[in-house]
């Protein structure tokens, strides 16, 4: 079991937090399944790896 502590003293945007979790190993399918369980109409996730300037970790 892995435990992650997130210190949000300065805040964090939802999309950046979700992207970071997927980037460190959270399976995207697991995240999608959790969202589907909320039964929110019109909500969906997409996954796309992008390069912004010099920032894009190799995968």
PDB file of N, CA and C in Angstrom:
ATOM      1  N   UNK A   1       0.845  -1.170   0.000  1.00  0.00           N
ATOM      2  CA  UNK A   1       0.000   0.000   0.000  1.00  0.00           C
ATOM      3  C   UNK A   1       0.894   1.237   0.000  1.00  0.00           C
ATOM      4  N   UNK A   2       0.534   2.184  -0.838  1.00  0.00           N
ATOM      5  CA  UNK A   2       1.260   3.453  -0.883  1.00  0.00           C
ATOM      6  C   UNK A   2       0.369   4.547  -0.334  1.00  0.00           C
ATOM      7  N   UNK A   3       0.963   5.439   0.402  1.00  0.00           N
ATOM      8  CA  UNK A   3       0.235   6.578   0.967  1.00  0.00           C
ATOM      9  C   UNK A   3       0.885   7.850   0.459  1.00  0.00           C
ATOM     10  N   UNK A   4       0.071   8.779   0.024  1.00  0.00           N
ATOM     11  CA  UNK A   4       0.569  10.063  -0.456  1.00  0.00           C
ATOM     12  C   UNK A   4       0.006  11.172   0.411  1.00  0.00           C
ATOM     13  N   UNK A   5       0.865  12.019   0.894  1.00  0.00           N
ATOM     14  CA  UNK A   5       0.442  13.196   1.638  1.00  0.00           C
ATOM     15  C   UNK A   5       0.569  14.401   0.723  1.00  0.00           C
ATOM     16  N   UNK A   6      -0.491  15.170   0.620  1.00  0.00           N
ATOM     17  CA  UNK A   6      -0.486  16.348  -0.239  1.00  0.00           C
ATOM     18  C   UNK A   6      -0.693  17.569   0.647  1.00  0.00           C
ATOM     19  N   UNK A   7       0.298  18.429   0.703  1.00  0.00           N
ATOM     20  CA  UNK A   7       0.234  19.645   1.512  1.00  0.00           C
ATOM     21  C   UNK A   7      -0.307  20.772   0.637  1.00  0.00           C
ATOM     22  N   UNK A   8      -1.542  21.163   0.875  1.00  0.00           N
ATOM     23  CA  UNK A   8      -2.201  22.153   0.024  1.00  0.00           C
ATOM     24  C   UNK A   8      -2.241  23.542   0.649  1.00  0.00           C
ATOM     25  N   UNK A   9      -1.183  23.927   1.306  1.00  0.00           N
ATOM     26  CA  UNK A   9      -1.129  25.228   1.959  1.00  0.00           C
ATOM     27  C   UNK A   9      -1.382  26.360   0.963  1.00  0.00           C
ATOM     28  N   UNK A  10      -0.796  26.252  -0.219  1.00  0.00           N
ATOM     29  CA  UNK A  10      -0.965  27.299  -1.230  1.00  0.00           C
ATOM     30  C   UNK A  10      -2.068  26.969  -2.233  1.00  0.00           C
ATOM     31  N   UNK A  11      -2.724  25.835  -2.062  1.00  0.00           N
ATOM     32  CA  UNK A  11      -3.797  25.438  -2.967  1.00  0.00           C
ATOM     33  C   UNK A  11      -3.272  24.635  -4.142  1.00  0.00           C
ATOM     34  N   UNK A  12      -4.198  24.025  -4.855  1.00  0.00           N
ATOM     35  CA  UNK A  12      -3.857  23.262  -6.057  1.00  0.00           C
ATOM     36  C   UNK A  12      -5.098  23.188  -6.926  1.00  0.00           C
ATOM     37  N   UNK A  13      -4.921  23.350  -8.229  1.00  0.00           N
ATOM     38  CA  UNK A  13      -6.064  23.230  -9.123  1.00  0.00           C
ATOM     39  C   UNK A  13      -6.365  21.753  -9.334  1.00  0.00           C
ATOM     40  N   UNK A  14      -7.627  21.439  -9.544  1.00  0.00           N
ATOM     41  CA  UNK A  14      -8.044  20.055  -9.693  1.00  0.00           C
ATOM     42  C   UNK A  14      -7.398  19.348 -10.854  1.00  0.00           C
ATOM     43  N   UNK A  15      -7.325  20.012 -12.014  1.00  0.00           N
ATOM     44  CA  UNK A  15      -6.751  19.354 -13.182  1.00  0.00           C
ATOM     45  C   UNK A  15      -5.265  19.069 -12.997  1.00  0.00           C
ATOM     46  N   UNK A  16      -4.560  19.979 -12.346  1.00  0.00           N
ATOM     47  CA  UNK A  16      -3.135  19.767 -12.117  1.00  0.00           C
ATOM     48  C   UNK A  16      -2.907  18.647 -11.103  1.00  0.00           C
ATOM     49  N   UNK A  17      -3.752  18.584 -10.078  1.00  0.00           N
ATOM     50  CA  UNK A  17      -3.627  17.530  -9.076  1.00  0.00           C
ATOM     51  C   UNK A  17      -3.910  16.165  -9.697  1.00  0.00           C
ATOM     52  N   UNK A  18      -4.968  16.050 -10.488  1.00  0.00           N
ATOM     53  CA  UNK A  18      -5.278  14.781 -11.138  1.00  0.00           C
ATOM     54  C   UNK A  18      -4.181  14.373 -12.111  1.00  0.00           C
ATOM     55  N   UNK A  19      -3.665  15.329 -12.872  1.00  0.00           N
ATOM     56  CA  UNK A  19      -2.572  15.044 -13.792  1.00  0.00           C
ATOM     57  C   UNK A  19      -1.329  14.551 -13.064  1.00  0.00           C
ATOM     58  N   UNK A  20      -1.029  15.156 -11.940  1.00  0.00           N
ATOM     59  CA  UNK A  20       0.139  14.743 -11.163  1.00  0.00           C
ATOM     60  C   UNK A  20      -0.048  13.330 -10.614  1.00  0.00           C
ATOM     61  N   UNK A  21      -1.256  13.012 -10.147  1.00  0.00           N
ATOM     62  CA  UNK A  21      -1.516  11.673  -9.621  1.00  0.00           C
ATOM     63  C   UNK A  21      -1.364  10.612 -10.712  1.00  0.00           C
ATOM     64  N   UNK A  22      -1.878  10.892 -11.893  1.00  0.00           N
ATOM     65  CA  UNK A  22      -1.732   9.947 -13.012  1.00  0.00           C
ATOM     66  C   UNK A  22      -0.265   9.829 -13.398  1.00  0.00           C
ATOM     67  N   UNK A  23       0.456  10.936 -13.383  1.00  0.00           N
ATOM     68  CA  UNK A  23       1.862  10.933 -13.778  1.00  0.00           C
ATOM     69  C   UNK A  23       2.732  10.127 -12.816  1.00  0.00           C
ATOM     70  N   UNK A  24       2.361  10.059 -11.541  1.00  0.00           N
ATOM     71  CA  UNK A  24       3.159   9.287 -10.583  1.00  0.00           C
ATOM     72  C   UNK A  24       2.683   7.845 -10.459  1.00  0.00           C
ATOM     73  N   UNK A  25       1.658   7.467 -11.258  1.00  0.00           N
ATOM     74  CA  UNK A  25       1.321   6.052 -11.281  1.00  0.00           C
ATOM     75  C   UNK A  25      -0.123   5.664 -11.050  1.00  0.00           C
ATOM     76  N   UNK A  26      -1.013   6.584 -10.719  1.00  0.00           N
ATOM     77  CA  UNK A  26      -2.424   6.236 -10.559  1.00  0.00           C
ATOM     78  C   UNK A  26      -2.965   5.829 -11.928  1.00  0.00           C
ATOM     79  N   UNK A  27      -3.484   4.614 -12.064  1.00  0.00           N
ATOM     80  CA  UNK A  27      -4.018   4.198 -13.367  1.00  0.00           C
ATOM     81  C   UNK A  27      -5.194   5.076 -13.786  1.00  0.00           C
ATOM     82  N   UNK A  28      -5.155   5.539 -15.024  1.00  0.00           N
ATOM     83  CA  UNK A  28      -6.200   6.428 -15.527  1.00  0.00           C
ATOM     84  C   UNK A  28      -7.561   5.745 -15.466  1.00  0.00           C
ATOM     85  N   UNK A  29      -7.602   4.445 -15.751  1.00  0.00           N
ATOM     86  CA  UNK A  29      -8.868   3.707 -15.708  1.00  0.00           C
ATOM     87  C   UNK A  29      -9.479   3.726 -14.306  1.00  0.00           C
ATOM     88  N   UNK A  30      -8.641   3.660 -13.295  1.00  0.00           N
ATOM     89  CA  UNK A  30      -9.126   3.703 -11.914  1.00  0.00           C
ATOM     90  C   UNK A  30      -9.729   5.073 -11.605  1.00  0.00           C
ATOM     91  N   UNK A  31      -9.112   6.112 -12.083  1.00  0.00           N
ATOM     92  CA  UNK A  31      -9.627   7.465 -11.892  1.00  0.00           C
ATOM     93  C   UNK A  31     -10.963   7.634 -12.633  1.00  0.00           C
ATOM     94  N   UNK A  32     -11.042   7.113 -13.857  1.00  0.00           N
ATOM     95  CA  UNK A  32     -12.276   7.190 -14.629  1.00  0.00           C
ATOM     96  C   UNK A  32     -13.397   6.421 -13.931  1.00  0.00           C
ATOM     97  N   UNK A  33     -13.077   5.260 -13.382  1.00  0.00           N
ATOM     98  CA  UNK A  33     -14.073   4.449 -12.672  1.00  0.00           C
ATOM     99  C   UNK A  33     -14.616   5.203 -11.452  1.00  0.00           C
ATOM    100  N   UNK A  34     -13.736   5.890 -10.726  1.00  0.00           N
ATOM    101  CA  UNK A  34     -14.170   6.661  -9.557  1.00  0.00           C
ATOM    102  C   UNK A  34     -15.100   7.798  -9.973  1.00  0.00           C
ATOM    103  N   UNK A  35     -14.800   8.458 -11.080  1.00  0.00           N
ATOM    104  CA  UNK A  35     -15.670   9.524 -11.571  1.00  0.00           C
ATOM    105  C   UNK A  35     -17.023   8.964 -12.013  1.00  0.00           C
ATOM    106  N   UNK A  36     -17.000   7.843 -12.710  1.00  0.00           N
ATOM    107  CA  UNK A  36     -18.245   7.220 -13.163  1.00  0.00           C
ATOM    108  C   UNK A  36     -19.145   6.854 -11.984  1.00  0.00           C
ATOM    109  N   UNK A  37     -18.555   6.482 -10.857  1.00  0.00           N
ATOM    110  CA  UNK A  37     -19.326   6.095  -9.671  1.00  0.00           C
ATOM    111  C   UNK A  37     -20.101   7.273  -9.077  1.00  0.00           C
ATOM    112  N   UNK A  38     -19.712   8.492  -9.422  1.00  0.00           N
ATOM    113  CA  UNK A  38     -20.416   9.679  -8.905  1.00  0.00           C
ATOM    114  C   UNK A  38     -21.688   9.985  -9.684  1.00  0.00           C
ATOM    115  N   UNK A  39     -21.860   9.364 -10.849  1.00  0.00           N
ATOM    116  CA  UNK A  39     -23.069   9.546 -11.691  1.00  0.00           C
ATOM    117  C   UNK A  39     -23.348  11.021 -11.976  1.00  0.00           C
ATOM    118  N   UNK A  40     -22.326  11.732 -12.411  1.00  0.00           N
ATOM    119  CA  UNK A  40     -22.471  13.142 -12.762  1.00  0.00           C
ATOM    120  C   UNK A  40     -22.704  13.260 -14.261  1.00  0.00           C
ATOM    121  N   UNK A  41     -23.870  13.751 -14.668  1.00  0.00           N
ATOM    122  CA  UNK A  41     -24.145  13.837 -16.107  1.00  0.00           C
ATOM    123  C   UNK A  41     -23.211  14.826 -16.804  1.00  0.00           C
ATOM    124  N   UNK A  42     -22.698  14.431 -17.945  1.00  0.00           N
ATOM    125  CA  UNK A  42     -21.859  15.315 -18.748  1.00  0.00           C
ATOM    126  C   UNK A  42     -20.408  15.400 -18.302  1.00  0.00           C
ATOM    127  N   UNK A  43     -20.007  14.655 -17.281  1.00  0.00           N
ATOM    128  CA  UNK A  43     -18.614  14.700 -16.812  1.00  0.00           C
ATOM    129  C   UNK A  43     -17.844  13.519 -17.381  1.00  0.00           C
ATOM    130  N   UNK A  44     -16.689  13.810 -17.940  1.00  0.00           N
ATOM    131  CA  UNK A  44     -15.823  12.761 -18.457  1.00  0.00           C
ATOM    132  C   UNK A  44     -14.378  13.232 -18.396  1.00  0.00           C
ATOM    133  N   UNK A  45     -13.477  12.291 -18.444  1.00  0.00           N
ATOM    134  CA  UNK A  45     -12.053  12.602 -18.423  1.00  0.00           C
ATOM    135  C   UNK A  45     -11.438  12.186 -19.743  1.00  0.00           C
ATOM    136  N   UNK A  46     -10.420  12.913 -20.149  1.00  0.00           N
ATOM    137  CA  UNK A  46      -9.617  12.526 -21.298  1.00  0.00           C
ATOM    138  C   UNK A  46      -8.157  12.568 -20.869  1.00  0.00           C
ATOM    139  N   UNK A  47      -7.363  11.781 -21.530  1.00  0.00           N
ATOM    140  CA  UNK A  47      -5.943  11.732 -21.205  1.00  0.00           C
ATOM    141  C   UNK A  47      -5.142  11.992 -22.468  1.00  0.00           C
ATOM    142  N   UNK A  48      -4.211  12.945 -22.389  1.00  0.00           N
ATOM    143  CA  UNK A  48      -3.363  13.279 -23.529  1.00  0.00           C
ATOM    144  C   UNK A  48      -2.033  13.777 -22.997  1.00  0.00           C
ATOM    145  N   UNK A  49      -0.951  13.217 -23.489  1.00  0.00           N
ATOM    146  CA  UNK A  49       0.388  13.641 -23.070  1.00  0.00           C
ATOM    147  C   UNK A  49       0.810  14.802 -23.972  1.00  0.00           C
ATOM    148  N   UNK A  50       1.204  15.916 -23.381  1.00  0.00           N
ATOM    149  CA  UNK A  50       1.571  17.094 -24.155  1.00  0.00           C
ATOM    150  C   UNK A  50       2.939  17.620 -23.733  1.00  0.00           C
ATOM    151  N   UNK A  51       3.513  18.440 -24.571  1.00  0.00           N
ATOM    152  CA  UNK A  51       4.786  19.112 -24.275  1.00  0.00           C
ATOM    153  C   UNK A  51       4.499  20.598 -24.192  1.00  0.00           C
ATOM    154  N   UNK A  52       4.808  21.195 -23.065  1.00  0.00           N
ATOM    155  CA  UNK A  52       4.610  22.631 -22.864  1.00  0.00           C
ATOM    156  C   UNK A  52       5.983  23.257 -22.619  1.00  0.00           C
ATOM    157  N   UNK A  53       6.500  23.940 -23.612  1.00  0.00           N
ATOM    158  CA  UNK A  53       7.844  24.492 -23.475  1.00  0.00           C
ATOM    159  C   UNK A  53       8.837  23.339 -23.351  1.00  0.00           C
ATOM    160  N   UNK A  54       9.606  23.356 -22.297  1.00  0.00           N
ATOM    161  CA  UNK A  54      10.592  22.289 -22.075  1.00  0.00           C
ATOM    162  C   UNK A  54      10.070  21.260 -21.091  1.00  0.00           C
ATOM    163  N   UNK A  55       8.811  21.362 -20.690  1.00  0.00           N
ATOM    164  CA  UNK A  55       8.280  20.501 -19.639  1.00  0.00           C
ATOM    165  C   UNK A  55       7.452  19.351 -20.205  1.00  0.00           C
ATOM    166  N   UNK A  56       7.980  18.185 -20.138  1.00  0.00           N
ATOM    167  CA  UNK A  56       7.257  16.944 -20.439  1.00  0.00           C
ATOM    168  C   UNK A  56       8.178  15.809 -20.039  1.00  0.00           C
ATOM    169  N   UNK A  57       7.891  15.162 -18.940  1.00  0.00           N
ATOM    170  CA  UNK A  57       8.766  14.071 -18.506  1.00  0.00           C
ATOM    171  C   UNK A  57       8.724  12.918 -19.496  1.00  0.00           C
ATOM    172  N   UNK A  58       9.848  12.284 -19.744  1.00  0.00           N
ATOM    173  CA  UNK A  58       9.863  11.166 -20.681  1.00  0.00           C
ATOM    174  C   UNK A  58       9.075   9.987 -20.133  1.00  0.00           C
ATOM    175  N   UNK A  59       8.352   9.316 -20.989  1.00  0.00           N
ATOM    176  CA  UNK A  59       7.596   8.110 -20.594  1.00  0.00           C
ATOM    177  C   UNK A  59       7.845   7.027 -21.572  1.00  0.00           C
TER     178      UNK A  59
END
